[in-house]
Amino acid sequence: MSKRCPGCGQMNDDSRIFCSACGNPLDAQLRLIQDLEKQKKMPKVERAAPAPKAEEDYVAPAPKKKSGCYVATAVYGSYDCPQVWTLRRFRDQQLAASLPGKAFIRLYYAVSPALVRWFGKTAWFKALWKAPLDRLVKKLREKGVEDTPYQDQDW
């Protein structure tokens, strides 16, 4: 059995949640339900304010791991969609393997969170980045970078 994408009309394998051509959700209600179920399962942690520590007991907090395709997530609407999976694979498997790639990643994570925080919900920002990201994703897929679910690597 197969599903027809409401956005582009392409037939997709019944097991896919997103269209293989355009990345739109094939069943919006199912996706919404899955997202709500994930939120329900996440434990709610209420923390009391920590007691002040003496200077000799102080340990600096570990830096937060930077993970996320901020611009792509803003453009495509989800961190877990085929286009973002492709870009994350490219980042972890190819960009992070070279010194210039690592420098680009650091620069990207220094700048993009603020850009997305300021402009990420605006239509012009999404329109500005959609076509270049679509072209990049298409080229990466042609080169064999997969668009299947992906778990970020530590880099």
C-alpha atoms as a PDB file:
ATOM      1  CA  MET A   1       0.000   0.000   0.000  1.00  0.00           C
ATOM      2  CA  SER A   2       1.216   3.543  -0.568  1.00  0.00           C
ATOM      3  CA  LYS A   3       0.413   7.073   0.503  1.00  0.00           C
ATOM      4  CA  ARG A   4      -0.033  10.077  -1.784  1.00  0.00           C
ATOM      5  CA  CYS A   5       1.600  13.280  -0.580  1.00  0.00           C
ATOM      6  CA  PRO A   6      -0.984  16.081  -0.222  1.00  0.00           C
ATOM      7  CA  GLY A   7       1.717  18.642  -1.053  1.00  0.00           C
ATOM      8  CA  CYS A   8       3.308  17.324  -4.258  1.00  0.00           C
ATOM      9  CA  GLY A   9       1.135  14.312  -5.145  1.00  0.00           C
ATOM     10  CA  GLN A  10       4.002  11.798  -5.191  1.00  0.00           C
ATOM     11  CA  MET A  11       3.251   8.230  -4.129  1.00  0.00           C
ATOM     12  CA  ASN A  12       5.264   7.121  -1.080  1.00  0.00           C
ATOM     13  CA  ASP A  13       5.850   3.817   0.636  1.00  0.00           C
ATOM     14  CA  ASP A  14       3.238   3.235   3.347  1.00  0.00           C
ATOM     15  CA  SER A  15       5.951   3.066   6.031  1.00  0.00           C
ATOM     16  CA  ARG A  16       7.123   6.654   5.415  1.00  0.00           C
ATOM     17  CA  ILE A  17       5.946   9.482   7.627  1.00  0.00           C
ATOM     18  CA  PHE A  18       7.353  12.181   5.352  1.00  0.00           C
ATOM     19  CA  CYS A  19       7.217  12.476   1.562  1.00  0.00           C
ATOM     20  CA  SER A  20      10.458  11.316  -0.063  1.00  0.00           C
ATOM     21  CA  ALA A  21      10.230  14.099  -2.657  1.00  0.00           C
ATOM     22  CA  CYS A  22       9.216  17.224  -0.761  1.00  0.00           C
ATOM     23  CA  GLY A  23       9.529  16.227   2.911  1.00  0.00           C
ATOM     24  CA  ASN A  24       5.973  17.177   3.857  1.00  0.00           C
ATOM     25  CA  PRO A  25       4.296  15.029   6.526  1.00  0.00           C
ATOM     26  CA  LEU A  26       2.128  12.381   4.897  1.00  0.00           C
ATOM     27  CA  ASP A  27      -0.284  12.189   7.815  1.00  0.00           C
ATOM     28  CA  ALA A  28      -0.355  15.455   9.732  1.00  0.00           C
ATOM     29  CA  GLN A  29      -2.671  14.137  12.438  1.00  0.00           C
ATOM     30  CA  LEU A  30      -0.427  11.143  13.072  1.00  0.00           C
ATOM     31  CA  ARG A  31       2.634  13.383  13.315  1.00  0.00           C
ATOM     32  CA  LEU A  32       0.877  15.694  15.768  1.00  0.00           C
ATOM     33  CA  ILE A  33      -0.179  12.733  17.904  1.00  0.00           C
ATOM     34  CA  GLN A  34       3.377  11.333  17.878  1.00  0.00           C
ATOM     35  CA  ASP A  35       4.816  14.687  18.918  1.00  0.00           C
ATOM     36  CA  LEU A  36       2.316  14.995  21.764  1.00  0.00           C
ATOM     37  CA  GLU A  37       3.075  11.443  22.924  1.00  0.00           C
ATOM     38  CA  LYS A  38       6.802  12.222  22.994  1.00  0.00           C
ATOM     39  CA  GLN A  39       6.128  15.302  25.113  1.00  0.00           C
ATOM     40  CA  LYS A  40       3.988  13.286  27.538  1.00  0.00           C
ATOM     41  CA  LYS A  41       6.745  10.695  27.999  1.00  0.00           C
ATOM     42  CA  MET A  42       9.404  13.277  28.758  1.00  0.00           C
ATOM     43  CA  PRO A  43       9.891  13.441  32.522  1.00  0.00           C
ATOM     44  CA  LYS A  44       9.092  16.757  34.119  1.00  0.00           C
ATOM     45  CA  VAL A  45      11.902  17.709  36.394  1.00  0.00           C
ATOM     46  CA  GLU A  46      11.349  20.280  39.078  1.00  0.00           C
ATOM     47  CA  ARG A  47      14.572  21.404  40.629  1.00  0.00           C
ATOM     48  CA  ALA A  48      15.120  23.225  43.851  1.00  0.00           C
ATOM     49  CA  ALA A  49      17.692  25.968  43.873  1.00  0.00           C
ATOM     50  CA  PRO A  50      21.103  24.476  44.648  1.00  0.00           C
ATOM     51  CA  ALA A  51      22.665  25.294  47.973  1.00  0.00           C
ATOM     52  CA  PRO A  52      25.560  27.741  47.710  1.00  0.00           C
ATOM     53  CA  LYS A  53      28.924  25.994  47.623  1.00  0.00           C
ATOM     54  CA  ALA A  54      32.153  26.995  49.192  1.00  0.00           C
ATOM     55  CA  GLU A  55      34.748  28.195  46.681  1.00  0.00           C
ATOM     56  CA  GLU A  56      36.883  25.083  47.094  1.00  0.00           C
ATOM     57  CA  ASP A  57      33.859  22.865  46.279  1.00  0.00           C
ATOM     58  CA  TYR A  58      32.954  24.748  43.126  1.00  0.00           C
ATOM     59  CA  VAL A  59      33.048  22.754  39.893  1.00  0.00           C
ATOM     60  CA  ALA A  60      32.343  24.608  36.673  1.00  0.00           C
ATOM     61  CA  PRO A  61      29.402  23.169  34.726  1.00  0.00           C
ATOM     62  CA  ALA A  62      30.241  21.180  31.612  1.00  0.00           C
ATOM     63  CA  PRO A  63      29.620  23.080  28.396  1.00  0.00           C
ATOM     64  CA  LYS A  64      26.377  22.186  26.693  1.00  0.00           C
ATOM     65  CA  LYS A  65      26.693  19.986  23.626  1.00  0.00           C
ATOM     66  CA  LYS A  66      25.784  21.951  20.565  1.00  0.00           C
ATOM     67  CA  SER A  67      23.518  19.911  18.382  1.00  0.00           C
ATOM     68  CA  GLY A  68      20.899  21.041  16.005  1.00  0.00           C
ATOM     69  CA  CYS A  69      20.462  22.265  12.507  1.00  0.00           C
ATOM     70  CA  TYR A  70      18.964  25.552  13.544  1.00  0.00           C
ATOM     71  CA  VAL A  71      18.276  27.109  10.141  1.00  0.00           C
ATOM     72  CA  ALA A  72      17.159  23.839   8.527  1.00  0.00           C
ATOM     73  CA  THR A  73      14.865  23.064  11.458  1.00  0.00           C
ATOM     74  CA  ALA A  74      13.311  26.539  11.182  1.00  0.00           C
ATOM     75  CA  VAL A  75      12.872  26.165   7.407  1.00  0.00           C
ATOM     76  CA  TYR A  76      11.506  22.599   7.379  1.00  0.00           C
ATOM     77  CA  GLY A  77       9.597  22.845  10.653  1.00  0.00           C
ATOM     78  CA  SER A  78      11.073  19.785  12.362  1.00  0.00           C
ATOM     79  CA  TYR A  79      14.418  18.491  13.571  1.00  0.00           C
ATOM     80  CA  ASP A  80      13.250  15.009  12.576  1.00  0.00           C
ATOM     81  CA  CYS A  81      12.440  15.221   8.876  1.00  0.00           C
ATOM     82  CA  PRO A  82      14.266  13.733   5.861  1.00  0.00           C
ATOM     83  CA  GLN A  83      15.952  16.961   4.766  1.00  0.00           C
ATOM     84  CA  VAL A  84      17.357  17.671   8.238  1.00  0.00           C
ATOM     85  CA  TRP A  85      18.439  14.019   8.637  1.00  0.00           C
ATOM     86  CA  THR A  86      20.390  14.373   5.369  1.00  0.00           C
ATOM     87  CA  LEU A  87      22.048  17.615   6.500  1.00  0.00           C
ATOM     88  CA  ARG A  88      22.929  16.203   9.942  1.00  0.00           C
ATOM     89  CA  ARG A  89      24.515  13.121   8.323  1.00  0.00           C
ATOM     90  CA  PHE A  90      26.546  15.382   6.032  1.00  0.00           C
ATOM     91  CA  ARG A  91      27.672  17.472   9.011  1.00  0.00           C
ATOM     92  CA  ASP A  92      28.733  14.469  11.107  1.00  0.00           C
ATOM     93  CA  GLN A  93      30.211  12.257   8.396  1.00  0.00           C
ATOM     94  CA  GLN A  94      31.836  14.743   6.048  1.00  0.00           C
ATOM     95  CA  LEU A  95      32.139  18.268   7.440  1.00  0.00           C
ATOM     96  CA  ALA A  96      33.351  17.157  10.874  1.00  0.00           C
ATOM     97  CA  ALA A  97      36.042  15.012   9.227  1.00  0.00           C
ATOM     98  CA  SER A  98      38.116  18.022   8.102  1.00  0.00           C
ATOM     99  CA  LEU A  99      39.617  21.030   9.841  1.00  0.00           C
ATOM    100  CA  PRO A 100      37.847  23.577   7.574  1.00  0.00           C
ATOM    101  CA  GLY A 101      34.593  21.658   8.069  1.00  0.00           C
ATOM    102  CA  LYS A 102      34.988  21.761  11.847  1.00  0.00           C
ATOM    103  CA  ALA A 103      35.694  25.506  11.652  1.00  0.00           C
ATOM    104  CA  PHE A 104      32.526  26.005   9.594  1.00  0.00           C
ATOM    105  CA  ILE A 105      30.495  23.991  12.126  1.00  0.00           C
ATOM    106  CA  ARG A 106      31.806  26.127  15.001  1.00  0.00           C
ATOM    107  CA  LEU A 107      31.041  29.344  13.130  1.00  0.00           C
ATOM    108  CA  TYR A 108      27.573  28.069  12.224  1.00  0.00           C
ATOM    109  CA  TYR A 109      26.756  27.200  15.845  1.00  0.00           C
ATOM    110  CA  ALA A 110      28.080  30.564  17.010  1.00  0.00           C
ATOM    111  CA  VAL A 111      25.829  32.529  14.643  1.00  0.00           C
ATOM    112  CA  SER A 112      22.764  30.494  13.673  1.00  0.00           C
ATOM    113  CA  PRO A 113      21.010  30.149  17.066  1.00  0.00           C
ATOM    114  CA  ALA A 114      20.724  33.928  17.353  1.00  0.00           C
ATOM    115  CA  LEU A 115      19.584  34.298  13.730  1.00  0.00           C
ATOM    116  CA  VAL A 116      16.879  31.698  14.209  1.00  0.00           C
ATOM    117  CA  ARG A 117      15.827  33.175  17.553  1.00  0.00           C
ATOM    118  CA  TRP A 118      15.411  36.604  15.927  1.00  0.00           C
ATOM    119  CA  PHE A 119      14.097  35.707  12.474  1.00  0.00           C
ATOM    120  CA  GLY A 120      13.293  31.966  12.418  1.00  0.00           C
ATOM    121  CA  LYS A 121       9.518  32.346  12.485  1.00  0.00           C
ATOM    122  CA  THR A 122       9.350  34.942   9.724  1.00  0.00           C
ATOM    123  CA  ALA A 123       8.227  33.966   6.239  1.00  0.00           C
ATOM    124  CA  TRP A 124      11.005  35.924   4.525  1.00  0.00           C
ATOM    125  CA  PHE A 125      13.726  34.090   6.501  1.00  0.00           C
ATOM    126  CA  LYS A 126      12.293  30.679   5.592  1.00  0.00           C
ATOM    127  CA  ALA A 127      11.878  31.706   1.944  1.00  0.00           C
ATOM    128  CA  LEU A 128      15.454  33.013   1.829  1.00  0.00           C
ATOM    129  CA  TRP A 129      16.923  29.662   2.962  1.00  0.00           C
ATOM    130  CA  LYS A 130      14.448  27.119   1.500  1.00  0.00           C
ATOM    131  CA  ALA A 131      15.711  27.017  -2.104  1.00  0.00           C
ATOM    132  CA  PRO A 132      19.452  26.843  -1.236  1.00  0.00           C
ATOM    133  CA  LEU A 133      18.813  24.138   1.359  1.00  0.00           C
ATOM    134  CA  ASP A 134      16.618  22.182  -1.077  1.00  0.00           C
ATOM    135  CA  ARG A 135      19.403  22.298  -3.695  1.00  0.00           C
ATOM    136  CA  LEU A 136      22.016  21.205  -1.141  1.00  0.00           C
ATOM    137  CA  VAL A 137      19.848  18.340   0.115  1.00  0.00           C
ATOM    138  CA  LYS A 138      19.179  17.219  -3.469  1.00  0.00           C
ATOM    139  CA  LYS A 139      22.921  17.190  -4.280  1.00  0.00           C
ATOM    140  CA  LEU A 140      23.731  15.322  -1.078  1.00  0.00           C
ATOM    141  CA  ARG A 141      21.066  12.697  -1.819  1.00  0.00           C
ATOM    142  CA  GLU A 142      22.432  12.302  -5.355  1.00  0.00           C
ATOM    143  CA  LYS A 143      25.848  11.651  -3.795  1.00  0.00           C
ATOM    144  CA  GLY A 144      24.361   8.932  -1.594  1.00  0.00           C
ATOM    145  CA  VAL A 145      23.718  10.719   1.695  1.00  0.00           C
ATOM    146  CA  GLU A 146      20.656   8.997   3.170  1.00  0.00           C
ATOM    147  CA  ASP A 147      17.428  10.647   4.269  1.00  0.00           C
ATOM    148  CA  THR A 148      16.423   8.028   6.834  1.00  0.00           C
ATOM    149  CA  PRO A 149      16.031   8.668  10.589  1.00  0.00           C
ATOM    150  CA  TYR A 150      19.334   9.709  12.109  1.00  0.00           C
ATOM    151  CA  GLN A 151      20.828   9.934  15.600  1.00  0.00           C
ATOM    152  CA  ASP A 152      23.482  12.657  15.938  1.00  0.00           C
ATOM    153  CA  GLN A 153      27.066  11.601  16.535  1.00  0.00           C
ATOM    154  CA  ASP A 154      29.290  13.168  19.142  1.00  0.00           C
ATOM    155  CA  TRP A 155      31.897  15.328  17.405  1.00  0.00           C
END
